[in-house]
């Protein structure tokens, strides 16, 4: 089931940019995560995003359940899913949950459309590079932006068919009430809840798409800057402590 809103040429171009930005944000965190020294790193960036990164460094692959939580979303999986093929275990494993706080607030009041996000969008990724079809389902619990009795649809951003669409494939609704919904999925991506699509509903407006691109760009710049500065700062402190230890040893 696909919800393809990119029908006009201009909207298609902007939707492609959304896909590129989501990929860039995920790849950037995947590059930085193995460099983090703390087991858990939490970062909030100017009210645009909230990320939690969990890293485990062991001689043998970690096992058991793992859960990441922020204000709007909870992600539940296992370390076995995070690691993947333990024969190629590099000595560390990581998982991160990134919630976008501002995408849900981007609305075009001139567009009368029935579809809208009912939750914050969230990107989930792990050190396991093969997550297109997971042998074990993962669960995401979304808090609704507003209390509602409307049945939501669990969706993810699919870039298999350019320029990118919201799709419900591989995700099922486990339970839902007026305040939260639990989704179960057999892959990883950027997820959200969407109000049930109605027959003949209109496409997302160009104003909405441009707003999403601007918001994602802000998230990328602030998040990567914060992560990099934190990494460099800790590396410098570590080098300074090492220098002090060497000087004390010489004395």
C-alpha atoms as a PDB file:
ATOM      1  CA  UNK A   1       0.000   0.000   0.000  1.00  0.00           C
ATOM      2  CA  UNK A   2       1.562   3.272  -1.160  1.00  0.00           C
ATOM      3  CA  UNK A   3       0.405   6.827  -0.556  1.00  0.00           C
ATOM      4  CA  UNK A   4       2.006   8.629  -3.488  1.00  0.00           C
ATOM      5  CA  UNK A   5       1.560  12.358  -3.162  1.00  0.00           C
ATOM      6  CA  UNK A   6       4.190  13.500  -5.643  1.00  0.00           C
ATOM      7  CA  UNK A   7       2.263  13.912  -8.860  1.00  0.00           C
ATOM      8  CA  UNK A   8       3.297  17.334 -10.174  1.00  0.00           C
ATOM      9  CA  UNK A   9       6.866  17.767 -11.521  1.00  0.00           C
ATOM     10  CA  UNK A  10       7.817  20.386  -8.919  1.00  0.00           C
ATOM     11  CA  UNK A  11       6.460  18.331  -6.022  1.00  0.00           C
ATOM     12  CA  UNK A  12       8.348  15.313  -7.392  1.00  0.00           C
ATOM     13  CA  UNK A  13      11.608  17.268  -7.322  1.00  0.00           C
ATOM     14  CA  UNK A  14      11.023  18.415  -3.743  1.00  0.00           C
ATOM     15  CA  UNK A  15      10.056  14.887  -2.643  1.00  0.00           C
ATOM     16  CA  UNK A  16      13.375  13.662  -4.059  1.00  0.00           C
ATOM     17  CA  UNK A  17      15.132  16.210  -1.854  1.00  0.00           C
ATOM     18  CA  UNK A  18      13.260  14.850   1.180  1.00  0.00           C
ATOM     19  CA  UNK A  19      14.534  11.362   0.365  1.00  0.00           C
ATOM     20  CA  UNK A  20      18.114  12.639  -0.052  1.00  0.00           C
ATOM     21  CA  UNK A  21      18.014  14.527   3.244  1.00  0.00           C
ATOM     22  CA  UNK A  22      16.638  11.549   5.166  1.00  0.00           C
ATOM     23  CA  UNK A  23      19.383   9.355   3.709  1.00  0.00           C
ATOM     24  CA  UNK A  24      22.064  11.939   4.515  1.00  0.00           C
ATOM     25  CA  UNK A  25      20.919  12.305   8.119  1.00  0.00           C
ATOM     26  CA  UNK A  26      20.887   8.535   8.642  1.00  0.00           C
ATOM     27  CA  UNK A  27      24.279   7.966   6.982  1.00  0.00           C
ATOM     28  CA  UNK A  28      25.849  10.790   8.991  1.00  0.00           C
ATOM     29  CA  UNK A  29      24.706   9.354  12.314  1.00  0.00           C
ATOM     30  CA  UNK A  30      25.831   5.889  11.240  1.00  0.00           C
ATOM     31  CA  UNK A  31      29.320   7.290  10.597  1.00  0.00           C
ATOM     32  CA  UNK A  32      29.524   9.156  13.897  1.00  0.00           C
ATOM     33  CA  UNK A  33      27.889   6.551  16.194  1.00  0.00           C
ATOM     34  CA  UNK A  34      30.878   4.129  16.279  1.00  0.00           C
ATOM     35  CA  UNK A  35      33.111   7.038  17.394  1.00  0.00           C
ATOM     36  CA  UNK A  36      31.036   7.821  20.492  1.00  0.00           C
ATOM     37  CA  UNK A  37      32.609   6.654  23.736  1.00  0.00           C
ATOM     38  CA  UNK A  38      29.545   6.705  26.004  1.00  0.00           C
ATOM     39  CA  UNK A  39      27.106   3.809  26.119  1.00  0.00           C
ATOM     40  CA  UNK A  40      24.151   6.166  25.696  1.00  0.00           C
ATOM     41  CA  UNK A  41      24.185   9.582  24.024  1.00  0.00           C
ATOM     42  CA  UNK A  42      21.130  11.859  24.034  1.00  0.00           C
ATOM     43  CA  UNK A  43      20.947  15.068  22.056  1.00  0.00           C
ATOM     44  CA  UNK A  44      18.234  17.681  21.566  1.00  0.00           C
ATOM     45  CA  UNK A  45      18.739  20.226  18.803  1.00  0.00           C
ATOM     46  CA  UNK A  46      16.935  23.566  19.078  1.00  0.00           C
ATOM     47  CA  UNK A  47      13.494  21.994  19.377  1.00  0.00           C
ATOM     48  CA  UNK A  48      13.863  20.404  15.927  1.00  0.00           C
ATOM     49  CA  UNK A  49      14.936  16.874  16.765  1.00  0.00           C
ATOM     50  CA  UNK A  50      15.729  14.493  19.580  1.00  0.00           C
ATOM     51  CA  UNK A  51      18.135  11.591  19.146  1.00  0.00           C
ATOM     52  CA  UNK A  52      19.227   8.749  21.405  1.00  0.00           C
ATOM     53  CA  UNK A  53      22.208   6.611  20.377  1.00  0.00           C
ATOM     54  CA  UNK A  54      23.086   3.441  22.260  1.00  0.00           C
ATOM     55  CA  UNK A  55      26.488   1.816  21.702  1.00  0.00           C
ATOM     56  CA  UNK A  56      27.786  -1.501  23.047  1.00  0.00           C
ATOM     57  CA  UNK A  57      31.422  -2.562  22.843  1.00  0.00           C
ATOM     58  CA  UNK A  58      32.049  -6.200  23.717  1.00  0.00           C
ATOM     59  CA  UNK A  59      34.308  -8.986  22.546  1.00  0.00           C
ATOM     60  CA  UNK A  60      31.227 -11.058  21.825  1.00  0.00           C
ATOM     61  CA  UNK A  61      27.966  -9.811  20.256  1.00  0.00           C
ATOM     62  CA  UNK A  62      25.510  -8.441  22.858  1.00  0.00           C
ATOM     63  CA  UNK A  63      22.221 -10.228  23.379  1.00  0.00           C
ATOM     64  CA  UNK A  64      18.798  -9.511  24.817  1.00  0.00           C
ATOM     65  CA  UNK A  65      16.192  -6.765  24.490  1.00  0.00           C
ATOM     66  CA  UNK A  66      17.024  -3.129  23.856  1.00  0.00           C
ATOM     67  CA  UNK A  67      14.683  -0.157  24.125  1.00  0.00           C
ATOM     68  CA  UNK A  68      15.143   3.501  23.168  1.00  0.00           C
ATOM     69  CA  UNK A  69      12.681   6.164  24.258  1.00  0.00           C
ATOM     70  CA  UNK A  70      12.147   9.857  23.807  1.00  0.00           C
ATOM     71  CA  UNK A  71       9.299  12.265  24.338  1.00  0.00           C
ATOM     72  CA  UNK A  72       7.262  11.092  21.354  1.00  0.00           C
ATOM     73  CA  UNK A  73       8.417   7.601  20.372  1.00  0.00           C
ATOM     74  CA  UNK A  74       9.652   4.312  21.813  1.00  0.00           C
ATOM     75  CA  UNK A  75      11.589   1.728  19.821  1.00  0.00           C
ATOM     76  CA  UNK A  76      11.878  -1.892  20.989  1.00  0.00           C
ATOM     77  CA  UNK A  77      14.068  -4.558  19.418  1.00  0.00           C
ATOM     78  CA  UNK A  78      16.858  -6.987  20.394  1.00  0.00           C
ATOM     79  CA  UNK A  79      20.631  -6.757  20.220  1.00  0.00           C
ATOM     80  CA  UNK A  80      20.542  -9.801  17.948  1.00  0.00           C
ATOM     81  CA  UNK A  81      18.617  -7.692  15.406  1.00  0.00           C
ATOM     82  CA  UNK A  82      20.976  -4.753  15.934  1.00  0.00           C
ATOM     83  CA  UNK A  83      24.079  -6.903  15.290  1.00  0.00           C
ATOM     84  CA  UNK A  84      22.736  -9.025  12.433  1.00  0.00           C
ATOM     85  CA  UNK A  85      25.301 -11.547  11.200  1.00  0.00           C
ATOM     86  CA  UNK A  86      27.403 -12.206  14.309  1.00  0.00           C
ATOM     87  CA  UNK A  87      30.102 -13.803  12.132  1.00  0.00           C
ATOM     88  CA  UNK A  88      30.984 -10.304  10.924  1.00  0.00           C
ATOM     89  CA  UNK A  89      30.656  -8.620  14.326  1.00  0.00           C
ATOM     90  CA  UNK A  90      33.232  -5.750  14.407  1.00  0.00           C
ATOM     91  CA  UNK A  91      33.447  -5.497  18.206  1.00  0.00           C
ATOM     92  CA  UNK A  92      30.707  -2.905  18.603  1.00  0.00           C
ATOM     93  CA  UNK A  93      27.026  -2.465  17.894  1.00  0.00           C
ATOM     94  CA  UNK A  94      24.840   0.617  17.899  1.00  0.00           C
ATOM     95  CA  UNK A  95      21.213   1.597  17.513  1.00  0.00           C
ATOM     96  CA  UNK A  96      19.678   5.052  17.323  1.00  0.00           C
ATOM     97  CA  UNK A  97      16.230   6.618  17.462  1.00  0.00           C
ATOM     98  CA  UNK A  98      15.787  10.068  15.946  1.00  0.00           C
ATOM     99  CA  UNK A  99      12.474  11.912  16.315  1.00  0.00           C
ATOM    100  CA  UNK A 100      11.701  14.970  14.234  1.00  0.00           C
ATOM    101  CA  UNK A 101       9.781  17.424  16.350  1.00  0.00           C
ATOM    102  CA  UNK A 102       8.880  19.985  13.724  1.00  0.00           C
ATOM    103  CA  UNK A 103       7.687  18.038  10.684  1.00  0.00           C
ATOM    104  CA  UNK A 104       4.245  17.449  12.141  1.00  0.00           C
ATOM    105  CA  UNK A 105       3.686  21.186  12.597  1.00  0.00           C
ATOM    106  CA  UNK A 106       4.172  21.963   8.900  1.00  0.00           C
ATOM    107  CA  UNK A 107       0.703  22.517   7.526  1.00  0.00           C
ATOM    108  CA  UNK A 108      -0.629  24.404   4.564  1.00  0.00           C
ATOM    109  CA  UNK A 109      -3.868  26.028   5.613  1.00  0.00           C
ATOM    110  CA  UNK A 110      -4.832  26.544   1.952  1.00  0.00           C
ATOM    111  CA  UNK A 111      -4.823  22.810   1.294  1.00  0.00           C
ATOM    112  CA  UNK A 112      -7.987  20.935   2.268  1.00  0.00           C
ATOM    113  CA  UNK A 113      -6.650  17.409   2.588  1.00  0.00           C
ATOM    114  CA  UNK A 114      -7.799  14.514   4.691  1.00  0.00           C
ATOM    115  CA  UNK A 115      -4.394  12.919   5.244  1.00  0.00           C
ATOM    116  CA  UNK A 116      -2.033  14.184   7.901  1.00  0.00           C
ATOM    117  CA  UNK A 117       0.598  12.890  10.273  1.00  0.00           C
ATOM    118  CA  UNK A 118      -0.809  11.832  13.626  1.00  0.00           C
ATOM    119  CA  UNK A 119       2.626  11.471  15.247  1.00  0.00           C
ATOM    120  CA  UNK A 120       6.140  12.800  15.011  1.00  0.00           C
ATOM    121  CA  UNK A 121       8.221  11.137  12.314  1.00  0.00           C
ATOM    122  CA  UNK A 122      11.076   8.964  13.597  1.00  0.00           C
ATOM    123  CA  UNK A 123      14.141   7.464  11.939  1.00  0.00           C
ATOM    124  CA  UNK A 124      15.487   4.187  13.316  1.00  0.00           C
ATOM    125  CA  UNK A 125      18.768   2.591  12.294  1.00  0.00           C
ATOM    126  CA  UNK A 126      21.225  -0.008  13.602  1.00  0.00           C
ATOM    127  CA  UNK A 127      24.772  -1.146  12.916  1.00  0.00           C
ATOM    128  CA  UNK A 128      23.386  -4.138  11.020  1.00  0.00           C
ATOM    129  CA  UNK A 129      23.442  -3.048   7.374  1.00  0.00           C
ATOM    130  CA  UNK A 130      20.907  -5.643   6.224  1.00  0.00           C
ATOM    131  CA  UNK A 131      17.583  -4.320   7.514  1.00  0.00           C
ATOM    132  CA  UNK A 132      15.351  -4.506   4.432  1.00  0.00           C
ATOM    133  CA  UNK A 133      13.698  -7.655   5.789  1.00  0.00           C
ATOM    134  CA  UNK A 134      14.302  -8.499   9.429  1.00  0.00           C
ATOM    135  CA  UNK A 135      13.785 -12.059  10.709  1.00  0.00           C
ATOM    136  CA  UNK A 136      12.359 -10.599  13.925  1.00  0.00           C
ATOM    137  CA  UNK A 137       9.784  -7.791  13.998  1.00  0.00           C
ATOM    138  CA  UNK A 138      10.592  -4.490  15.701  1.00  0.00           C
ATOM    139  CA  UNK A 139       8.031  -2.417  17.593  1.00  0.00           C
ATOM    140  CA  UNK A 140       7.494   1.333  17.598  1.00  0.00           C
ATOM    141  CA  UNK A 141       5.177   3.072  20.041  1.00  0.00           C
ATOM    142  CA  UNK A 142       4.015   6.492  18.887  1.00  0.00           C
ATOM    143  CA  UNK A 143       2.341   9.087  21.076  1.00  0.00           C
ATOM    144  CA  UNK A 144      -0.415  10.856  19.175  1.00  0.00           C
ATOM    145  CA  UNK A 145       0.032  14.561  18.560  1.00  0.00           C
ATOM    146  CA  UNK A 146      -3.586  14.997  19.602  1.00  0.00           C
ATOM    147  CA  UNK A 147      -6.013  12.670  21.278  1.00  0.00           C
ATOM    148  CA  UNK A 148      -8.032  10.973  18.535  1.00  0.00           C
ATOM    149  CA  UNK A 149     -10.267   7.971  17.998  1.00  0.00           C
ATOM    150  CA  UNK A 150      -9.403   7.847  14.287  1.00  0.00           C
ATOM    151  CA  UNK A 151      -7.729   4.585  13.306  1.00  0.00           C
ATOM    152  CA  UNK A 152      -4.156   5.474  12.217  1.00  0.00           C
ATOM    153  CA  UNK A 153      -2.050   3.774   9.583  1.00  0.00           C
ATOM    154  CA  UNK A 154       1.533   2.731  10.359  1.00  0.00           C
ATOM    155  CA  UNK A 155       3.697   4.076   7.529  1.00  0.00           C
ATOM    156  CA  UNK A 156       7.335   4.454   6.577  1.00  0.00           C
ATOM    157  CA  UNK A 157       9.135   6.595   4.000  1.00  0.00           C
ATOM    158  CA  UNK A 158       9.897   4.297   1.076  1.00  0.00           C
ATOM    159  CA  UNK A 159      12.566   5.362  -1.398  1.00  0.00           C
ATOM    160  CA  UNK A 160      12.391   2.187  -3.456  1.00  0.00           C
ATOM    161  CA  UNK A 161      10.291   4.040  -6.007  1.00  0.00           C
ATOM    162  CA  UNK A 162      11.624   7.534  -6.573  1.00  0.00           C
ATOM    163  CA  UNK A 163      10.919  10.231  -5.534  1.00  0.00           C
ATOM    164  CA  UNK A 164       9.748   8.618  -2.271  1.00  0.00           C
ATOM    165  CA  UNK A 165       6.354   7.827  -0.816  1.00  0.00           C
ATOM    166  CA  UNK A 166       4.732   6.960   2.480  1.00  0.00           C
ATOM    167  CA  UNK A 167       4.038   3.227   2.454  1.00  0.00           C
ATOM    168  CA  UNK A 168       2.440   0.818   4.869  1.00  0.00           C
ATOM    169  CA  UNK A 169       4.158  -2.271   3.461  1.00  0.00           C
ATOM    170  CA  UNK A 170       5.788  -4.482   6.075  1.00  0.00           C
ATOM    171  CA  UNK A 171       4.139  -2.667   8.993  1.00  0.00           C
ATOM    172  CA  UNK A 172       1.095  -3.702  10.988  1.00  0.00           C
ATOM    173  CA  UNK A 173      -0.881  -2.010  13.718  1.00  0.00           C
ATOM    174  CA  UNK A 174      -0.598  -3.963  16.975  1.00  0.00           C
ATOM    175  CA  UNK A 175      -2.785  -1.827  19.219  1.00  0.00           C
ATOM    176  CA  UNK A 176      -4.140   1.691  19.337  1.00  0.00           C
ATOM    177  CA  UNK A 177      -6.082   3.942  21.661  1.00  0.00           C
ATOM    178  CA  UNK A 178      -6.845   7.635  21.685  1.00  0.00           C
ATOM    179  CA  UNK A 179      -3.343   8.571  22.902  1.00  0.00           C
ATOM    180  CA  UNK A 180      -0.846   6.116  21.429  1.00  0.00           C
ATOM    181  CA  UNK A 181      -0.355   3.425  18.818  1.00  0.00           C
ATOM    182  CA  UNK A 182       2.015   0.460  18.620  1.00  0.00           C
ATOM    183  CA  UNK A 183       3.318  -0.558  15.181  1.00  0.00           C
ATOM    184  CA  UNK A 184       5.240  -3.709  14.312  1.00  0.00           C
ATOM    185  CA  UNK A 185       7.520  -3.680  11.245  1.00  0.00           C
ATOM    186  CA  UNK A 186       9.869  -6.104   9.528  1.00  0.00           C
ATOM    187  CA  UNK A 187      12.348  -3.468   8.335  1.00  0.00           C
ATOM    188  CA  UNK A 188      13.896  -0.169   9.415  1.00  0.00           C
ATOM    189  CA  UNK A 189      13.351   3.277   7.952  1.00  0.00           C
ATOM    190  CA  UNK A 190      11.699   6.585   8.863  1.00  0.00           C
ATOM    191  CA  UNK A 191       8.296   5.864  10.396  1.00  0.00           C
ATOM    192  CA  UNK A 192       5.177   7.779  11.391  1.00  0.00           C
ATOM    193  CA  UNK A 193       1.456   7.454  11.966  1.00  0.00           C
ATOM    194  CA  UNK A 194      -0.937   8.770   9.376  1.00  0.00           C
ATOM    195  CA  UNK A 195      -4.639   9.363   9.557  1.00  0.00           C
ATOM    196  CA  UNK A 196      -6.552   6.860   7.470  1.00  0.00           C
ATOM    197  CA  UNK A 197      -6.468   7.772   3.798  1.00  0.00           C
ATOM    198  CA  UNK A 198      -9.787   8.481   2.167  1.00  0.00           C
ATOM    199  CA  UNK A 199     -10.746   7.690  -1.388  1.00  0.00           C
ATOM    200  CA  UNK A 200      -9.892  10.588  -3.695  1.00  0.00           C
ATOM    201  CA  UNK A 201      -7.892  12.514  -1.116  1.00  0.00           C
ATOM    202  CA  UNK A 202      -5.625  15.233  -2.515  1.00  0.00           C
ATOM    203  CA  UNK A 203      -1.858  15.317  -2.713  1.00  0.00           C
ATOM    204  CA  UNK A 204       0.411  17.159  -0.345  1.00  0.00           C
ATOM    205  CA  UNK A 205       0.798  20.733  -1.489  1.00  0.00           C
ATOM    206  CA  UNK A 206       4.057  22.212  -2.739  1.00  0.00           C
ATOM    207  CA  UNK A 207       4.076  24.557   0.263  1.00  0.00           C
ATOM    208  CA  UNK A 208       4.043  21.546   2.597  1.00  0.00           C
ATOM    209  CA  UNK A 209       6.848  19.778   0.710  1.00  0.00           C
ATOM    210  CA  UNK A 210       9.101  22.840   0.690  1.00  0.00           C
ATOM    211  CA  UNK A 211       8.505  23.270   4.422  1.00  0.00           C
ATOM    212  CA  UNK A 212       9.554  19.655   5.026  1.00  0.00           C
ATOM    213  CA  UNK A 213      12.787  20.150   3.063  1.00  0.00           C
ATOM    214  CA  UNK A 214      13.642  23.307   5.018  1.00  0.00           C
ATOM    215  CA  UNK A 215      12.890  21.589   8.340  1.00  0.00           C
ATOM    216  CA  UNK A 216      15.009  18.536   7.483  1.00  0.00           C
ATOM    217  CA  UNK A 217      17.891  20.745   6.400  1.00  0.00           C
ATOM    218  CA  UNK A 218      17.783  22.539   9.763  1.00  0.00           C
ATOM    219  CA  UNK A 219      17.681  19.203  11.573  1.00  0.00           C
ATOM    220  CA  UNK A 220      20.672  17.903   9.615  1.00  0.00           C
ATOM    221  CA  UNK A 221      22.832  20.972  10.194  1.00  0.00           C
ATOM    222  CA  UNK A 222      22.079  21.321  13.904  1.00  0.00           C
ATOM    223  CA  UNK A 223      22.276  17.600  14.664  1.00  0.00           C
ATOM    224  CA  UNK A 224      25.533  16.905  12.843  1.00  0.00           C
ATOM    225  CA  UNK A 225      27.157  20.046  14.258  1.00  0.00           C
ATOM    226  CA  UNK A 226      26.158  19.051  17.799  1.00  0.00           C
ATOM    227  CA  UNK A 227      27.325  15.456  17.403  1.00  0.00           C
ATOM    228  CA  UNK A 228      30.655  16.461  15.863  1.00  0.00           C
ATOM    229  CA  UNK A 229      31.362  19.151  18.455  1.00  0.00           C
ATOM    230  CA  UNK A 230      30.602  16.726  21.270  1.00  0.00           C
ATOM    231  CA  UNK A 231      32.899  14.088  19.757  1.00  0.00           C
ATOM    232  CA  UNK A 232      35.774  16.561  19.221  1.00  0.00           C
ATOM    233  CA  UNK A 233      35.359  18.006  22.724  1.00  0.00           C
ATOM    234  CA  UNK A 234      35.553  14.594  24.370  1.00  0.00           C
ATOM    235  CA  UNK A 235      38.518  13.591  22.226  1.00  0.00           C
ATOM    236  CA  UNK A 236      40.384  16.730  23.287  1.00  0.00           C
ATOM    237  CA  UNK A 237      39.577  16.141  26.963  1.00  0.00           C
ATOM    238  CA  UNK A 238      40.811  12.580  26.632  1.00  0.00           C
ATOM    239  CA  UNK A 239      44.054  13.745  25.016  1.00  0.00           C
ATOM    240  CA  UNK A 240      44.534  16.366  27.717  1.00  0.00           C
ATOM    241  CA  UNK A 241      44.109  13.775  30.482  1.00  0.00           C
ATOM    242  CA  UNK A 242      46.568  11.462  28.730  1.00  0.00           C
ATOM    243  CA  UNK A 243      49.126  14.293  28.542  1.00  0.00           C
ATOM    244  CA  UNK A 244      48.698  14.994  32.267  1.00  0.00           C
ATOM    245  CA  UNK A 245      49.199  11.308  33.088  1.00  0.00           C
ATOM    246  CA  UNK A 246      52.423  11.230  31.046  1.00  0.00           C
ATOM    247  CA  UNK A 247      53.743  14.351  32.800  1.00  0.00           C
ATOM    248  CA  UNK A 248      52.945  12.910  36.237  1.00  0.00           C
ATOM    249  CA  UNK A 249      54.652   9.648  35.287  1.00  0.00           C
ATOM    250  CA  UNK A 250      57.808  11.509  34.257  1.00  0.00           C
ATOM    251  CA  UNK A 251      57.896  13.346  37.574  1.00  0.00           C
END
